[in-house]
PDB file of N, CA and C in Angstrom:
ATOM      1  N   UNK A   1     168.723 126.845  70.077  1.00  0.00           N
ATOM      2  CA  UNK A   1     169.435 127.932  69.434  1.00  0.00           C
ATOM      3  C   UNK A   1     170.852 127.481  69.146  1.00  0.00           C
ATOM      4  N   UNK A   2     171.337 127.774  67.963  1.00  0.00           N
ATOM      5  CA  UNK A   2     172.702 127.450  67.580  1.00  0.00           C
ATOM      6  C   UNK A   2     173.669 128.455  68.174  1.00  0.00           C
ATOM      7  N   UNK A   3     174.863 128.000  68.489  1.00  0.00           N
ATOM      8  CA  UNK A   3     175.869 128.907  69.054  1.00  0.00           C
ATOM      9  C   UNK A   3     176.712 129.516  67.940  1.00  0.00           C
ATOM     10  N   UNK A   4     177.073 130.761  68.088  1.00  0.00           N
ATOM     11  CA  UNK A   4     177.989 131.410  67.161  1.00  0.00           C
ATOM     12  C   UNK A   4     179.392 130.851  67.415  1.00  0.00           C
ATOM     13  N   UNK A   5     180.276 130.978  66.444  1.00  0.00           N
ATOM     14  CA  UNK A   5     181.640 130.474  66.581  1.00  0.00           C
ATOM     15  C   UNK A   5     182.403 131.162  67.701  1.00  0.00           C
ATOM     16  N   UNK A   6     182.242 132.457  67.795  1.00  0.00           N
ATOM     17  CA  UNK A   6     182.959 133.232  68.798  1.00  0.00           C
ATOM     18  C   UNK A   6     182.038 134.332  69.285  1.00  0.00           C
ATOM     19  N   UNK A   7     182.072 134.634  70.558  1.00  0.00           N
ATOM     20  CA  UNK A   7     181.207 135.681  71.094  1.00  0.00           C
ATOM     21  C   UNK A   7     182.035 136.886  71.505  1.00  0.00           C
ATOM     22  N   UNK A   8     182.601 137.575  70.522  1.00  0.00           N
ATOM     23  CA  UNK A   8     183.411 138.757  70.748  1.00  0.00           C
ATOM     24  C   UNK A   8     182.543 139.981  71.016  1.00  0.00           C
ATOM     25  N   UNK A   9     181.356 140.038  70.382  1.00  0.00           N
ATOM     26  CA  UNK A   9     180.463 141.183  70.492  1.00  0.00           C
ATOM     27  C   UNK A   9     179.132 140.771  71.106  1.00  0.00           C
ATOM     28  N   UNK A  10     178.452 141.740  71.675  1.00  0.00           N
ATOM     29  CA  UNK A  10     177.128 141.526  72.253  1.00  0.00           C
ATOM     30  C   UNK A  10     176.113 141.393  71.115  1.00  0.00           C
ATOM     31  N   UNK A  11     175.262 140.378  71.180  1.00  0.00           N
ATOM     32  CA  UNK A  11     174.252 140.176  70.149  1.00  0.00           C
ATOM     33  C   UNK A  11     173.103 141.165  70.218  1.00  0.00           C
ATOM     34  N   UNK A  12     172.960 141.858  71.328  1.00  0.00           N
ATOM     35  CA  UNK A  12     171.849 142.803  71.478  1.00  0.00           C
ATOM     36  C   UNK A  12     172.248 144.239  71.118  1.00  0.00           C
ATOM     37  N   UNK A  13     173.364 144.730  71.678  1.00  0.00           N
ATOM     38  CA  UNK A  13     173.753 146.133  71.419  1.00  0.00           C
ATOM     39  C   UNK A  13     174.892 146.265  70.408  1.00  0.00           C
ATOM     40  N   UNK A  14     175.627 145.190  70.141  1.00  0.00           N
ATOM     41  CA  UNK A  14     176.700 145.229  69.160  1.00  0.00           C
ATOM     42  C   UNK A  14     178.042 145.702  69.681  1.00  0.00           C
ATOM     43  N   UNK A  15     178.105 146.104  70.943  1.00  0.00           N
ATOM     44  CA  UNK A  15     179.365 146.577  71.519  1.00  0.00           C
ATOM     45  C   UNK A  15     180.259 145.389  71.906  1.00  0.00           C
ATOM     46  N   UNK A  16     181.575 145.594  71.988  1.00  0.00           N
ATOM     47  CA  UNK A  16     182.472 144.514  72.418  1.00  0.00           C
ATOM     48  C   UNK A  16     182.063 143.989  73.803  1.00  0.00           C
ATOM     49  N   UNK A  17     182.128 142.674  73.992  1.00  0.00           N
ATOM     50  CA  UNK A  17     181.710 142.051  75.246  1.00  0.00           C
ATOM     51  C   UNK A  17     182.510 142.568  76.434  1.00  0.00           C
ATOM     52  N   UNK A  18     183.781 142.861  76.244  1.00  0.00           N
ATOM     53  CA  UNK A  18     184.647 143.284  77.346  1.00  0.00           C
ATOM     54  C   UNK A  18     184.557 144.781  77.642  1.00  0.00           C
ATOM     55  N   UNK A  19     183.927 145.567  76.770  1.00  0.00           N
ATOM     56  CA  UNK A  19     183.958 147.024  76.891  1.00  0.00           C
ATOM     57  C   UNK A  19     182.919 147.600  77.846  1.00  0.00           C
ATOM     58  N   UNK A  20     181.874 146.850  78.148  1.00  0.00           N
ATOM     59  CA  UNK A  20     180.803 147.421  78.968  1.00  0.00           C
ATOM     60  C   UNK A  20     180.038 146.323  79.689  1.00  0.00           C
ATOM     61  N   UNK A  21     179.213 146.751  80.622  1.00  0.00           N
ATOM     62  CA  UNK A  21     178.302 145.826  81.286  1.00  0.00           C
ATOM     63  C   UNK A  21     177.183 145.459  80.309  1.00  0.00           C
ATOM     64  N   UNK A  22     176.805 144.225  80.316  1.00  0.00           N
ATOM     65  CA  UNK A  22     175.765 143.768  79.398  1.00  0.00           C
ATOM     66  C   UNK A  22     174.632 143.064  80.123  1.00  0.00           C
ATOM     67  N   UNK A  23     174.391 143.427  81.386  1.00  0.00           N
ATOM     68  CA  UNK A  23     173.305 142.800  82.134  1.00  0.00           C
ATOM     69  C   UNK A  23     171.956 143.058  81.474  1.00  0.00           C
ATOM     70  N   UNK A  24     171.708 144.302  81.083  1.00  0.00           N
ATOM     71  CA  UNK A  24     170.447 144.632  80.421  1.00  0.00           C
ATOM     72  C   UNK A  24     170.319 143.869  79.101  1.00  0.00           C
ATOM     73  N   UNK A  25     171.407 143.783  78.371  1.00  0.00           N
ATOM     74  CA  UNK A  25     171.410 143.053  77.101  1.00  0.00           C
ATOM     75  C   UNK A  25     171.097 141.580  77.328  1.00  0.00           C
ATOM     76  N   UNK A  26     171.686 140.989  78.362  1.00  0.00           N
ATOM     77  CA  UNK A  26     171.457 139.580  78.653  1.00  0.00           C
ATOM     78  C   UNK A  26     170.006 139.319  79.024  1.00  0.00           C
ATOM     79  N   UNK A  27     169.396 140.243  79.773  1.00  0.00           N
ATOM     80  CA  UNK A  27     167.967 140.100  80.110  1.00  0.00           C
ATOM     81  C   UNK A  27     167.117 140.209  78.847  1.00  0.00           C
ATOM     82  N   UNK A  28     167.449 141.142  77.974  1.00  0.00           N
ATOM     83  CA  UNK A  28     166.697 141.313  76.729  1.00  0.00           C
ATOM     84  C   UNK A  28     166.856 140.107  75.811  1.00  0.00           C
ATOM     85  N   UNK A  29     168.023 139.500  75.835  1.00  0.00           N
ATOM     86  CA  UNK A  29     168.293 138.343  74.981  1.00  0.00           C
ATOM     87  C   UNK A  29     167.419 137.145  75.342  1.00  0.00           C
ATOM     88  N   UNK A  30     166.881 137.117  76.556  1.00  0.00           N
ATOM     89  CA  UNK A  30     165.984 136.032  76.944  1.00  0.00           C
ATOM     90  C   UNK A  30     164.647 136.130  76.203  1.00  0.00           C
ATOM     91  N   UNK A  31     164.282 137.330  75.787  1.00  0.00           N
ATOM     92  CA  UNK A  31     162.985 137.559  75.156  1.00  0.00           C
ATOM     93  C   UNK A  31     163.058 137.891  73.674  1.00  0.00           C
ATOM     94  N   UNK A  32     164.204 138.346  73.198  1.00  0.00           N
ATOM     95  CA  UNK A  32     164.327 138.829  71.824  1.00  0.00           C
ATOM     96  C   UNK A  32     165.469 138.134  71.090  1.00  0.00           C
ATOM     97  N   UNK A  33     165.373 138.057  69.764  1.00  0.00           N
ATOM     98  CA  UNK A  33     166.487 137.496  68.986  1.00  0.00           C
ATOM     99  C   UNK A  33     167.672 138.466  68.974  1.00  0.00           C
ATOM    100  N   UNK A  34     168.869 137.968  68.695  1.00  0.00           N
ATOM    101  CA  UNK A  34     170.023 138.865  68.592  1.00  0.00           C
ATOM    102  C   UNK A  34     169.876 139.790  67.390  1.00  0.00           C
ATOM    103  N   UNK A  35     170.385 140.989  67.509  1.00  0.00           N
ATOM    104  CA  UNK A  35     170.324 141.963  66.415  1.00  0.00           C
ATOM    105  C   UNK A  35     171.665 142.107  65.709  1.00  0.00           C
ATOM    106  N   UNK A  36     172.739 141.737  66.402  1.00  0.00           N
ATOM    107  CA  UNK A  36     174.087 141.829  65.842  1.00  0.00           C
ATOM    108  C   UNK A  36     174.763 140.470  65.921  1.00  0.00           C
ATOM    109  N   UNK A  37     175.596 140.154  64.924  1.00  0.00           N
ATOM    110  CA  UNK A  37     176.374 138.922  64.935  1.00  0.00           C
ATOM    111  C   UNK A  37     177.387 138.996  66.078  1.00  0.00           C
ATOM    112  N   UNK A  38     177.460 137.956  66.880  1.00  0.00           N
ATOM    113  CA  UNK A  38     178.382 137.948  68.013  1.00  0.00           C
ATOM    114  C   UNK A  38     179.831 137.737  67.589  1.00  0.00           C
ATOM    115  N   UNK A  39     180.037 137.281  66.362  1.00  0.00           N
ATOM    116  CA  UNK A  39     181.390 137.046  65.877  1.00  0.00           C
ATOM    117  C   UNK A  39     181.991 138.258  65.167  1.00  0.00           C
ATOM    118  N   UNK A  40     181.157 139.004  64.404  1.00  0.00           N
ATOM    119  CA  UNK A  40     181.732 140.072  63.574  1.00  0.00           C
ATOM    120  C   UNK A  40     181.047 141.434  63.724  1.00  0.00           C
ATOM    121  N   UNK A  41     180.004 141.525  64.514  1.00  0.00           N
ATOM    122  CA  UNK A  41     179.293 142.766  64.811  1.00  0.00           C
ATOM    123  C   UNK A  41     178.424 143.276  63.655  1.00  0.00           C
ATOM    124  N   UNK A  42     178.264 142.496  62.596  1.00  0.00           N
ATOM    125  CA  UNK A  42     177.384 142.916  61.506  1.00  0.00           C
ATOM    126  C   UNK A  42     175.932 142.851  61.977  1.00  0.00           C
ATOM    127  N   UNK A  43     175.120 143.743  61.444  1.00  0.00           N
ATOM    128  CA  UNK A  43     173.685 143.732  61.726  1.00  0.00           C
ATOM    129  C   UNK A  43     173.091 142.486  61.080  1.00  0.00           C
ATOM    130  N   UNK A  44     172.264 141.758  61.816  1.00  0.00           N
ATOM    131  CA  UNK A  44     171.687 140.520  61.300  1.00  0.00           C
ATOM    132  C   UNK A  44     170.295 140.762  60.723  1.00  0.00           C
ATOM    133  N   UNK A  45     169.925 139.925  59.765  1.00  0.00           N
ATOM    134  CA  UNK A  45     168.583 139.941  59.208  1.00  0.00           C
ATOM    135  C   UNK A  45     167.743 139.043  60.114  1.00  0.00           C
ATOM    136  N   UNK A  46     166.750 139.629  60.781  1.00  0.00           N
ATOM    137  CA  UNK A  46     165.963 138.905  61.779  1.00  0.00           C
ATOM    138  C   UNK A  46     164.533 138.726  61.278  1.00  0.00           C
ATOM    139  N   UNK A  47     164.020 137.507  61.437  1.00  0.00           N
ATOM    140  CA  UNK A  47     162.626 137.240  61.117  1.00  0.00           C
ATOM    141  C   UNK A  47     161.980 136.574  62.323  1.00  0.00           C
ATOM    142  N   UNK A  48     160.902 137.162  62.806  1.00  0.00           N
ATOM    143  CA  UNK A  48     160.175 136.631  63.957  1.00  0.00           C
ATOM    144  C   UNK A  48     158.861 136.039  63.453  1.00  0.00           C
ATOM    145  N   UNK A  49     158.572 134.808  63.887  1.00  0.00           N
ATOM    146  CA  UNK A  49     157.331 134.130  63.528  1.00  0.00           C
ATOM    147  C   UNK A  49     156.595 133.758  64.808  1.00  0.00           C
ATOM    148  N   UNK A  50     155.368 133.302  64.710  1.00  0.00           N
ATOM    149  CA  UNK A  50     154.641 132.886  65.912  1.00  0.00           C
ATOM    150  C   UNK A  50     155.308 131.716  66.657  1.00  0.00           C
ATOM    151  N   UNK A  51     156.111 130.932  65.968  1.00  0.00           N
ATOM    152  CA  UNK A  51     156.736 129.767  66.603  1.00  0.00           C
ATOM    153  C   UNK A  51     158.199 129.955  66.962  1.00  0.00           C
ATOM    154  N   UNK A  52     158.789 131.106  66.661  1.00  0.00           N
ATOM    155  CA  UNK A  52     160.200 131.325  66.989  1.00  0.00           C
ATOM    156  C   UNK A  52     160.799 132.447  66.170  1.00  0.00           C
ATOM    157  N   UNK A  53     162.102 132.364  65.915  1.00  0.00           N
ATOM    158  CA  UNK A  53     162.781 133.404  65.153  1.00  0.00           C
ATOM    159  C   UNK A  53     164.022 132.837  64.486  1.00  0.00           C
ATOM    160  N   UNK A  54     164.497 133.547  63.446  1.00  0.00           N
ATOM    161  CA  UNK A  54     165.789 133.268  62.825  1.00  0.00           C
ATOM    162  C   UNK A  54     166.529 134.589  62.702  1.00  0.00           C
ATOM    163  N   UNK A  55     167.830 134.527  62.845  1.00  0.00           N
ATOM    164  CA  UNK A  55     168.693 135.692  62.674  1.00  0.00           C
ATOM    165  C   UNK A  55     169.868 135.252  61.803  1.00  0.00           C
ATOM    166  N   UNK A  56     170.104 135.963  60.689  1.00  0.00           N
ATOM    167  CA  UNK A  56     171.119 135.534  59.727  1.00  0.00           C
ATOM    168  C   UNK A  56     172.183 136.595  59.530  1.00  0.00           C
ATOM    169  N   UNK A  57     173.440 136.164  59.662  1.00  0.00           N
ATOM    170  CA  UNK A  57     174.596 137.001  59.361  1.00  0.00           C
ATOM    171  C   UNK A  57     175.088 136.629  57.967  1.00  0.00           C
ATOM    172  N   UNK A  58     175.438 137.613  57.159  1.00  0.00           N
ATOM    173  CA  UNK A  58     175.898 137.329  55.799  1.00  0.00           C
ATOM    174  C   UNK A  58     177.224 136.568  55.780  1.00  0.00           C
ATOM    175  N   UNK A  59     177.986 136.625  56.857  1.00  0.00           N
ATOM    176  CA  UNK A  59     179.281 135.938  56.924  1.00  0.00           C
ATOM    177  C   UNK A  59     179.268 134.659  57.752  1.00  0.00           C
ATOM    178  N   UNK A  60     178.443 134.608  58.801  1.00  0.00           N
ATOM    179  CA  UNK A  60     178.509 133.499  59.750  1.00  0.00           C
ATOM    180  C   UNK A  60     177.266 132.625  59.799  1.00  0.00           C
ATOM    181  N   UNK A  61     176.311 132.869  58.945  1.00  0.00           N
ATOM    182  CA  UNK A  61     175.160 131.995  58.848  1.00  0.00           C
ATOM    183  C   UNK A  61     174.016 132.360  59.786  1.00  0.00           C
ATOM    184  N   UNK A  62     173.206 131.357  60.070  1.00  0.00           N
ATOM    185  CA  UNK A  62     171.932 131.559  60.756  1.00  0.00           C
ATOM    186  C   UNK A  62     171.913 130.946  62.150  1.00  0.00           C
ATOM    187  N   UNK A  63     171.247 131.627  63.066  1.00  0.00           N
ATOM    188  CA  UNK A  63     170.932 131.065  64.375  1.00  0.00           C
ATOM    189  C   UNK A  63     169.412 131.114  64.508  1.00  0.00           C
ATOM    190  N   UNK A  64     168.858 130.187  65.269  1.00  0.00           N
ATOM    191  CA  UNK A  64     167.406 130.105  65.404  1.00  0.00           C
ATOM    192  C   UNK A  64     167.025 129.991  66.871  1.00  0.00           C
ATOM    193  N   UNK A  65     165.793 130.318  67.139  1.00  0.00           N
ATOM    194  CA  UNK A  65     165.230 130.160  68.472  1.00  0.00           C
ATOM    195  C   UNK A  65     163.763 129.845  68.342  1.00  0.00           C
ATOM    196  N   UNK A  66     163.255 129.019  69.238  1.00  0.00           N
ATOM    197  CA  UNK A  66     161.845 128.643  69.189  1.00  0.00           C
ATOM    198  C   UNK A  66     161.212 128.858  70.548  1.00  0.00           C
ATOM    199  N   UNK A  67     159.941 129.193  70.548  1.00  0.00           N
ATOM    200  CA  UNK A  67     159.206 129.345  71.791  1.00  0.00           C
ATOM    201  C   UNK A  67     158.949 127.982  72.412  1.00  0.00           C
ATOM    202  N   UNK A  68     158.852 127.999  73.754  1.00  0.00           N
ATOM    203  CA  UNK A  68     158.457 126.802  74.473  1.00  0.00           C
ATOM    204  C   UNK A  68     159.574 125.873  74.653  1.00  0.00           C
TER     205      UNK A  68
END
């Protein structure tokens, strides 16, 4: 998986990283692709395939994840 430039926001719930506890989000992130860009909080376009997933932000590009 590629790293975002900055992780200001939670990729699962979209809230600022410093504003709340994100333990549940971190557990969910192990199984699911991010739904929000961690740099700008925009909703990402997510595509899940049998071999992995891609999540694309219109401003910050694409991150990928693969099973196994």
